[in-house]
């Protein structure tokens, strides 16, 4: 069985090597969809009976480890020295420094690795993260799918 929870957050970024509009500082209303697989819990009387995982728990965990950290932050590539230095000059600025350009593809992979560690078989029902879909705009997204990404690739 698969379940999916959708969350939204706002963040700024730029792609410093891009030849078009994305090289400028800008922001997006990102959407992240988290798809988990697992066995349906059949234990009588437990709160999760009939579920893989309570959707409110998916939300709580995802907000704690990812969404609240990226929401209203500027996602910046460590190699983008002028912007990194500028952001560090701002007192108490919420900045997330990444080891790669903050493209939708790289952010989806980074989110996958963060969330994968957080959703490790919590209920003993073989729960696991299968996919992270990250929308940069309503019409553009990237999918990080367990079978298609290199789990040793760390961003």
N, C-alpha and C. Protein backbone atom coordinates (compact mmCIF):
# COMPACT_ATOMS: atom_id res chain seq x y z
N UNK A 1 0.85 -1.18 0.00
CA UNK A 1 0.00 0.00 0.00
C UNK A 1 0.89 1.23 0.00
N UNK A 2 0.47 2.27 -0.70
CA UNK A 2 1.16 3.55 -0.72
C UNK A 2 0.25 4.63 -0.17
N UNK A 3 0.84 5.56 0.58
CA UNK A 3 0.13 6.76 1.00
C UNK A 3 1.00 7.97 0.65
N UNK A 4 0.35 9.12 0.43
CA UNK A 4 1.08 10.33 0.09
C UNK A 4 0.53 11.50 0.90
N UNK A 5 1.43 12.30 1.44
CA UNK A 5 1.08 13.52 2.17
C UNK A 5 1.73 14.69 1.47
N UNK A 6 0.98 15.77 1.32
CA UNK A 6 1.42 16.97 0.61
C UNK A 6 1.59 18.11 1.61
N UNK A 7 2.73 18.80 1.54
CA UNK A 7 2.98 19.96 2.37
C UNK A 7 3.53 21.08 1.50
N UNK A 8 3.38 22.32 1.95
CA UNK A 8 3.84 23.47 1.18
C UNK A 8 4.76 24.34 2.04
N UNK A 9 5.67 25.03 1.37
CA UNK A 9 6.54 25.98 2.05
C UNK A 9 7.03 27.01 1.04
N UNK A 10 7.47 28.13 1.54
CA UNK A 10 8.01 29.20 0.71
C UNK A 10 9.51 29.30 0.95
N UNK A 11 10.27 29.48 -0.12
CA UNK A 11 11.71 29.63 0.02
C UNK A 11 12.26 30.39 -1.18
N UNK A 12 13.41 31.03 -0.95
CA UNK A 12 14.11 31.73 -2.01
C UNK A 12 15.30 30.91 -2.46
N UNK A 13 15.77 31.19 -3.67
CA UNK A 13 16.97 30.54 -4.19
C UNK A 13 17.42 31.28 -5.44
N UNK A 14 18.51 30.84 -5.97
CA UNK A 14 18.93 31.22 -7.31
C UNK A 14 19.85 30.12 -7.82
N UNK A 15 19.91 30.00 -9.12
CA UNK A 15 20.82 29.05 -9.75
C UNK A 15 21.94 29.91 -10.34
N UNK A 16 23.05 29.98 -9.63
CA UNK A 16 24.10 30.95 -9.97
C UNK A 16 24.73 30.72 -11.34
N UNK A 17 24.66 29.51 -11.85
CA UNK A 17 25.26 29.20 -13.15
C UNK A 17 24.28 29.26 -14.30
N UNK A 18 23.03 29.56 -14.01
CA UNK A 18 21.98 29.55 -15.05
C UNK A 18 22.15 30.73 -15.99
N UNK A 19 21.78 30.56 -17.25
CA UNK A 19 21.92 31.62 -18.25
C UNK A 19 20.66 32.45 -18.43
N UNK A 20 19.62 32.19 -17.65
CA UNK A 20 18.36 32.89 -17.84
C UNK A 20 17.88 33.50 -16.53
N UNK A 21 16.59 33.68 -16.39
CA UNK A 21 15.99 34.36 -15.23
C UNK A 21 16.36 33.72 -13.88
N UNK A 22 16.58 32.44 -13.86
CA UNK A 22 16.83 31.74 -12.58
C UNK A 22 18.15 32.12 -11.92
N UNK A 23 19.00 32.87 -12.61
CA UNK A 23 20.26 33.31 -11.99
C UNK A 23 20.01 34.46 -11.01
N UNK A 24 18.82 35.06 -11.08
CA UNK A 24 18.47 36.16 -10.17
C UNK A 24 17.88 35.61 -8.88
N UNK A 25 18.05 36.35 -7.79
CA UNK A 25 17.42 35.97 -6.52
C UNK A 25 15.91 36.00 -6.70
N UNK A 26 15.25 34.91 -6.32
CA UNK A 26 13.79 34.83 -6.43
C UNK A 26 13.28 33.75 -5.50
N UNK A 27 11.98 33.61 -5.43
CA UNK A 27 11.40 32.62 -4.53
C UNK A 27 10.28 31.84 -5.18
N UNK A 28 9.88 30.78 -4.50
CA UNK A 28 8.81 29.90 -4.97
C UNK A 28 7.92 29.48 -3.81
N UNK A 29 6.71 29.12 -4.14
CA UNK A 29 5.82 28.40 -3.23
C UNK A 29 6.02 26.93 -3.57
N UNK A 30 6.93 26.28 -2.85
CA UNK A 30 7.24 24.88 -3.10
C UNK A 30 6.16 23.98 -2.52
N UNK A 31 5.97 22.85 -3.14
CA UNK A 31 5.11 21.80 -2.62
C UNK A 31 5.94 20.52 -2.60
N UNK A 32 5.86 19.81 -1.48
CA UNK A 32 6.55 18.52 -1.38
C UNK A 32 5.49 17.45 -1.12
N UNK A 33 5.54 16.40 -1.93
CA UNK A 33 4.66 15.25 -1.74
C UNK A 33 5.53 14.08 -1.30
N UNK A 34 5.16 13.49 -0.19
CA UNK A 34 5.93 12.41 0.43
C UNK A 34 5.12 11.12 0.30
N UNK A 35 5.67 10.15 -0.41
CA UNK A 35 4.98 8.88 -0.61
C UNK A 35 5.70 7.79 0.17
N UNK A 36 4.92 7.11 1.02
CA UNK A 36 5.43 6.03 1.87
C UNK A 36 4.75 4.73 1.51
N UNK A 37 5.46 3.63 1.67
CA UNK A 37 4.86 2.31 1.51
C UNK A 37 4.94 1.59 2.84
N UNK A 38 4.09 0.59 2.98
CA UNK A 38 4.12 -0.22 4.19
C UNK A 38 2.92 -1.14 4.23
N UNK A 39 2.91 -1.98 5.23
CA UNK A 39 1.77 -2.87 5.44
C UNK A 39 0.72 -2.14 6.27
N UNK A 40 -0.53 -2.40 5.97
CA UNK A 40 -1.61 -1.82 6.75
C UNK A 40 -1.61 -2.48 8.13
N UNK A 41 -1.65 -1.65 9.15
CA UNK A 41 -1.61 -2.14 10.53
C UNK A 41 -2.97 -2.74 10.87
N UNK A 42 -2.97 -3.99 11.29
CA UNK A 42 -4.24 -4.69 11.56
C UNK A 42 -4.44 -4.99 13.04
N UNK A 43 -3.51 -4.58 13.88
CA UNK A 43 -3.63 -4.85 15.31
C UNK A 43 -4.90 -4.21 15.86
N UNK A 44 -5.71 -5.00 16.56
CA UNK A 44 -6.97 -4.52 17.14
C UNK A 44 -6.73 -3.45 18.18
N UNK A 45 -7.48 -2.38 18.09
CA UNK A 45 -7.50 -1.36 19.14
C UNK A 45 -6.38 -0.33 19.12
N UNK A 46 -5.37 -0.48 18.26
CA UNK A 46 -4.31 0.53 18.22
C UNK A 46 -4.79 1.72 17.40
N UNK A 47 -4.31 2.92 17.72
CA UNK A 47 -4.79 4.11 17.01
C UNK A 47 -4.57 4.06 15.50
N UNK A 48 -3.54 3.33 15.04
CA UNK A 48 -3.21 3.28 13.62
C UNK A 48 -3.87 2.10 12.90
N UNK A 49 -4.79 1.40 13.57
CA UNK A 49 -5.44 0.25 12.94
C UNK A 49 -6.06 0.66 11.61
N UNK A 50 -5.76 -0.10 10.56
CA UNK A 50 -6.30 0.18 9.24
C UNK A 50 -5.47 1.16 8.42
N UNK A 51 -4.34 1.61 8.99
CA UNK A 51 -3.50 2.60 8.31
C UNK A 51 -2.09 2.04 8.11
N UNK A 52 -1.36 2.69 7.20
CA UNK A 52 0.10 2.49 7.13
C UNK A 52 0.73 3.38 8.19
N UNK A 53 0.25 4.63 8.22
CA UNK A 53 0.72 5.62 9.18
C UNK A 53 -0.32 6.73 9.20
N UNK A 54 -0.53 7.31 10.34
CA UNK A 54 -1.46 8.43 10.47
C UNK A 54 -0.92 9.61 9.66
N UNK A 55 -1.74 10.19 8.79
CA UNK A 55 -1.30 11.32 7.97
C UNK A 55 -0.80 12.49 8.83
N UNK A 56 -1.39 12.68 10.01
CA UNK A 56 -0.92 13.77 10.88
C UNK A 56 0.49 13.51 11.39
N UNK A 57 0.87 12.25 11.54
CA UNK A 57 2.23 11.90 11.94
C UNK A 57 3.21 12.13 10.79
N UNK A 58 2.77 11.82 9.57
CA UNK A 58 3.61 12.09 8.40
C UNK A 58 3.91 13.59 8.37
N UNK A 59 2.87 14.41 8.54
CA UNK A 59 3.03 15.85 8.53
C UNK A 59 3.96 16.32 9.65
N UNK A 60 3.73 15.82 10.87
CA UNK A 60 4.54 16.24 12.01
C UNK A 60 6.02 15.95 11.79
N UNK A 61 6.33 14.75 11.34
CA UNK A 61 7.73 14.37 11.12
C UNK A 61 8.34 15.18 9.99
N UNK A 62 7.62 15.30 8.87
CA UNK A 62 8.15 16.05 7.73
C UNK A 62 8.39 17.51 8.07
N UNK A 63 7.49 18.12 8.83
CA UNK A 63 7.69 19.51 9.24
C UNK A 63 8.91 19.63 10.15
N UNK A 64 9.07 18.69 11.05
CA UNK A 64 10.17 18.76 12.01
C UNK A 64 11.53 18.63 11.34
N UNK A 65 11.67 17.70 10.41
CA UNK A 65 13.00 17.42 9.84
C UNK A 65 13.30 18.19 8.55
N UNK A 66 12.26 18.70 7.87
CA UNK A 66 12.50 19.33 6.57
C UNK A 66 11.76 20.66 6.39
N UNK A 67 10.45 20.61 6.39
CA UNK A 67 9.64 21.76 5.97
C UNK A 67 9.91 22.99 6.83
N UNK A 68 9.90 22.84 8.14
CA UNK A 68 10.13 24.01 9.01
C UNK A 68 11.54 24.57 8.85
N UNK A 69 12.49 23.75 8.46
CA UNK A 69 13.86 24.21 8.25
C UNK A 69 14.01 24.98 6.93
N UNK A 70 13.25 24.58 5.90
CA UNK A 70 13.35 25.21 4.60
C UNK A 70 12.34 26.34 4.40
N UNK A 71 11.27 26.34 5.18
CA UNK A 71 10.22 27.35 5.01
C UNK A 71 10.73 28.74 5.33
N UNK A 72 10.52 29.67 4.42
CA UNK A 72 10.96 31.06 4.54
C UNK A 72 12.47 31.17 4.76
N UNK A 73 13.20 30.25 4.17
CA UNK A 73 14.67 30.30 4.19
C UNK A 73 15.14 30.62 2.77
N UNK A 74 16.41 30.99 2.67
CA UNK A 74 17.04 31.11 1.36
C UNK A 74 17.91 29.90 1.18
N UNK A 75 17.65 29.12 0.13
CA UNK A 75 18.38 27.90 -0.17
C UNK A 75 19.49 28.27 -1.14
N UNK A 76 20.74 28.15 -0.69
CA UNK A 76 21.86 28.67 -1.47
C UNK A 76 22.96 27.62 -1.61
N UNK A 77 23.56 27.59 -2.79
CA UNK A 77 24.68 26.70 -3.07
C UNK A 77 25.93 27.26 -2.39
N UNK A 78 26.67 26.41 -1.69
CA UNK A 78 27.88 26.84 -0.97
C UNK A 78 28.88 27.50 -1.91
N UNK A 79 28.90 27.10 -3.17
CA UNK A 79 29.82 27.67 -4.14
C UNK A 79 29.41 29.04 -4.67
N UNK A 80 28.24 29.50 -4.29
CA UNK A 80 27.74 30.81 -4.71
C UNK A 80 28.22 31.84 -3.68
N UNK A 81 29.53 32.07 -3.68
CA UNK A 81 30.18 32.87 -2.62
C UNK A 81 29.58 34.26 -2.41
N UNK A 82 29.29 35.04 -3.46
CA UNK A 82 28.75 36.38 -3.20
C UNK A 82 27.42 36.35 -2.43
N UNK A 83 26.55 35.42 -2.78
CA UNK A 83 25.25 35.34 -2.10
C UNK A 83 25.42 34.76 -0.70
N UNK A 84 26.26 33.75 -0.55
CA UNK A 84 26.51 33.18 0.78
C UNK A 84 27.03 34.27 1.71
N UNK A 85 28.01 35.04 1.26
CA UNK A 85 28.58 36.11 2.09
C UNK A 85 27.55 37.17 2.41
N UNK A 86 26.73 37.54 1.44
CA UNK A 86 25.67 38.51 1.68
C UNK A 86 24.69 38.01 2.73
N UNK A 87 24.22 36.76 2.58
CA UNK A 87 23.24 36.21 3.53
C UNK A 87 23.83 36.10 4.93
N UNK A 88 25.13 35.77 5.02
CA UNK A 88 25.77 35.67 6.33
C UNK A 88 25.93 37.03 6.98
N UNK A 89 25.89 38.10 6.18
CA UNK A 89 26.00 39.45 6.74
C UNK A 89 24.69 39.93 7.34
N UNK A 90 23.59 39.23 7.06
CA UNK A 90 22.28 39.61 7.58
C UNK A 90 22.06 38.93 8.93
N UNK A 91 21.82 39.71 9.94
CA UNK A 91 21.64 39.17 11.29
C UNK A 91 20.40 38.30 11.36
N UNK A 92 20.57 37.10 11.89
CA UNK A 92 19.47 36.15 12.12
C UNK A 92 18.72 35.77 10.84
N UNK A 93 19.40 35.78 9.70
CA UNK A 93 18.75 35.39 8.45
C UNK A 93 18.66 33.87 8.37
N UNK A 94 17.52 33.37 7.94
CA UNK A 94 17.32 31.93 7.80
C UNK A 94 17.88 31.49 6.45
N UNK A 95 19.02 30.82 6.50
CA UNK A 95 19.74 30.40 5.30
C UNK A 95 20.05 28.91 5.40
N UNK A 96 19.84 28.19 4.31
CA UNK A 96 20.22 26.78 4.22
C UNK A 96 21.28 26.69 3.14
N UNK A 97 22.50 26.33 3.54
CA UNK A 97 23.61 26.22 2.60
C UNK A 97 23.70 24.77 2.13
N UNK A 98 23.68 24.60 0.81
CA UNK A 98 23.67 23.28 0.19
C UNK A 98 24.97 23.01 -0.56
N UNK A 99 25.30 21.74 -0.73
CA UNK A 99 26.51 21.34 -1.45
C UNK A 99 26.31 21.26 -2.96
N UNK A 100 25.14 21.67 -3.43
CA UNK A 100 24.85 21.66 -4.87
C UNK A 100 23.88 22.79 -5.18
N UNK A 101 23.75 23.10 -6.47
CA UNK A 101 22.82 24.15 -6.87
C UNK A 101 21.40 23.78 -6.40
N UNK A 102 20.62 24.75 -5.91
CA UNK A 102 19.28 24.45 -5.41
C UNK A 102 18.23 24.33 -6.52
N UNK A 103 18.49 23.43 -7.47
CA UNK A 103 17.52 23.13 -8.52
C UNK A 103 16.43 22.24 -7.92
N UNK A 104 15.31 22.13 -8.61
CA UNK A 104 14.24 21.24 -8.15
C UNK A 104 14.76 19.81 -8.02
N UNK A 105 15.59 19.40 -8.98
CA UNK A 105 16.13 18.03 -8.95
C UNK A 105 16.99 17.79 -7.71
N UNK A 106 17.93 18.70 -7.46
CA UNK A 106 18.82 18.54 -6.30
C UNK A 106 18.06 18.66 -4.99
N UNK A 107 17.09 19.56 -4.92
CA UNK A 107 16.30 19.71 -3.70
C UNK A 107 15.46 18.46 -3.44
N UNK A 108 14.92 17.84 -4.49
CA UNK A 108 14.14 16.62 -4.32
C UNK A 108 15.01 15.49 -3.77
N UNK A 109 16.23 15.36 -4.29
CA UNK A 109 17.14 14.33 -3.79
C UNK A 109 17.53 14.61 -2.35
N UNK A 110 17.86 15.85 -2.04
CA UNK A 110 18.23 16.22 -0.67
C UNK A 110 17.06 15.93 0.28
N UNK A 111 15.85 16.33 -0.12
CA UNK A 111 14.67 16.08 0.71
C UNK A 111 14.46 14.57 0.91
N UNK A 112 14.69 13.79 -0.16
CA UNK A 112 14.53 12.34 -0.05
C UNK A 112 15.45 11.79 1.04
N UNK A 113 16.71 12.18 1.01
CA UNK A 113 17.66 11.65 1.99
C UNK A 113 17.30 12.07 3.42
N UNK A 114 16.88 13.30 3.59
CA UNK A 114 16.48 13.78 4.92
C UNK A 114 15.27 13.01 5.42
N UNK A 115 14.26 12.88 4.57
CA UNK A 115 13.02 12.21 4.98
C UNK A 115 13.19 10.70 5.11
N UNK A 116 14.04 10.11 4.28
CA UNK A 116 14.26 8.67 4.35
C UNK A 116 14.75 8.26 5.75
N UNK A 117 15.65 9.03 6.29
CA UNK A 117 16.17 8.73 7.63
C UNK A 117 15.08 8.88 8.69
N UNK A 118 14.13 9.79 8.48
CA UNK A 118 13.09 10.06 9.47
C UNK A 118 11.95 9.04 9.47
N UNK A 119 11.75 8.36 8.35
CA UNK A 119 10.62 7.43 8.23
C UNK A 119 11.06 5.98 8.19
N UNK A 120 12.05 5.61 8.95
CA UNK A 120 12.56 4.24 8.97
C UNK A 120 11.66 3.34 9.81
N UNK A 121 10.76 2.60 9.16
CA UNK A 121 9.94 1.54 9.79
C UNK A 121 9.48 1.89 11.20
N UNK A 122 8.83 3.01 11.35
CA UNK A 122 8.41 3.52 12.65
C UNK A 122 7.47 2.57 13.39
N UNK A 123 6.55 1.92 12.67
CA UNK A 123 5.53 1.09 13.31
C UNK A 123 5.80 -0.41 13.22
N UNK A 124 6.95 -0.80 12.69
CA UNK A 124 7.21 -2.23 12.53
C UNK A 124 6.36 -2.85 11.43
N UNK A 125 5.90 -2.02 10.49
CA UNK A 125 5.05 -2.51 9.40
C UNK A 125 5.74 -2.35 8.04
N UNK A 126 7.07 -2.36 8.07
CA UNK A 126 7.90 -2.22 6.88
C UNK A 126 7.68 -0.88 6.18
N UNK A 127 7.42 0.15 6.97
CA UNK A 127 7.25 1.51 6.45
C UNK A 127 8.56 1.97 5.83
N UNK A 128 8.46 2.58 4.63
CA UNK A 128 9.65 3.17 4.02
C UNK A 128 9.23 4.25 3.04
N UNK A 129 10.11 5.20 2.88
CA UNK A 129 9.90 6.27 1.93
C UNK A 129 10.12 5.73 0.52
N UNK A 130 9.19 6.00 -0.37
CA UNK A 130 9.32 5.53 -1.76
C UNK A 130 9.64 6.65 -2.73
N UNK A 131 9.05 7.84 -2.48
CA UNK A 131 9.22 8.93 -3.44
C UNK A 131 9.02 10.27 -2.76
N UNK A 132 9.79 11.24 -3.23
CA UNK A 132 9.57 12.64 -2.89
C UNK A 132 9.36 13.37 -4.21
N UNK A 133 8.23 14.03 -4.32
CA UNK A 133 7.96 14.88 -5.48
C UNK A 133 8.03 16.31 -4.99
N UNK A 134 8.88 17.11 -5.61
CA UNK A 134 9.05 18.50 -5.22
C UNK A 134 8.61 19.40 -6.37
N UNK A 135 7.53 20.14 -6.13
CA UNK A 135 7.05 21.11 -7.11
C UNK A 135 7.76 22.43 -6.87
N UNK A 136 8.37 22.97 -7.92
CA UNK A 136 8.95 24.31 -7.85
C UNK A 136 7.90 25.34 -8.26
N UNK A 137 7.07 24.96 -9.20
CA UNK A 137 5.91 25.75 -9.61
C UNK A 137 4.77 24.76 -9.80
N UNK A 138 3.55 25.24 -10.01
CA UNK A 138 2.45 24.29 -10.23
C UNK A 138 2.65 23.40 -11.46
N UNK A 139 3.48 23.84 -12.40
CA UNK A 139 3.67 23.09 -13.64
C UNK A 139 5.02 22.41 -13.77
N UNK A 140 5.90 22.56 -12.77
CA UNK A 140 7.25 22.01 -12.86
C UNK A 140 7.62 21.31 -11.55
N UNK A 141 8.07 20.07 -11.66
CA UNK A 141 8.44 19.31 -10.48
C UNK A 141 9.54 18.30 -10.81
N UNK A 142 10.13 17.78 -9.74
CA UNK A 142 11.14 16.73 -9.86
C UNK A 142 10.76 15.60 -8.91
N UNK A 143 10.97 14.38 -9.35
CA UNK A 143 10.68 13.19 -8.55
C UNK A 143 11.97 12.50 -8.15
N UNK A 144 12.14 12.29 -6.87
CA UNK A 144 13.23 11.45 -6.36
C UNK A 144 12.58 10.13 -5.94
N UNK A 145 12.84 9.08 -6.71
CA UNK A 145 12.21 7.77 -6.52
C UNK A 145 13.27 6.79 -6.03
N UNK A 146 12.93 6.07 -4.98
CA UNK A 146 13.90 5.17 -4.34
C UNK A 146 14.69 4.34 -5.35
N UNK A 147 14.03 3.67 -6.28
CA UNK A 147 14.72 2.78 -7.21
C UNK A 147 15.56 3.52 -8.24
N UNK A 148 15.35 4.83 -8.38
CA UNK A 148 16.03 5.56 -9.45
C UNK A 148 17.15 6.48 -8.97
N UNK A 149 17.24 6.69 -7.67
CA UNK A 149 18.31 7.57 -7.19
C UNK A 149 19.41 6.73 -6.54
N UNK A 150 20.58 7.28 -6.54
CA UNK A 150 21.70 6.63 -5.90
C UNK A 150 21.65 7.00 -4.43
N UNK A 151 21.29 6.05 -3.57
CA UNK A 151 21.14 6.34 -2.14
C UNK A 151 22.45 6.75 -1.48
N UNK A 152 23.56 6.54 -2.16
CA UNK A 152 24.85 6.98 -1.59
C UNK A 152 25.18 8.41 -1.97
N UNK A 153 24.38 9.00 -2.85
CA UNK A 153 24.60 10.38 -3.30
C UNK A 153 24.12 11.32 -2.20
N UNK A 154 25.03 12.02 -1.59
CA UNK A 154 24.67 12.94 -0.51
C UNK A 154 24.93 14.35 -0.98
N UNK A 155 23.89 15.18 -0.85
CA UNK A 155 24.02 16.57 -1.29
C UNK A 155 24.39 17.44 -0.11
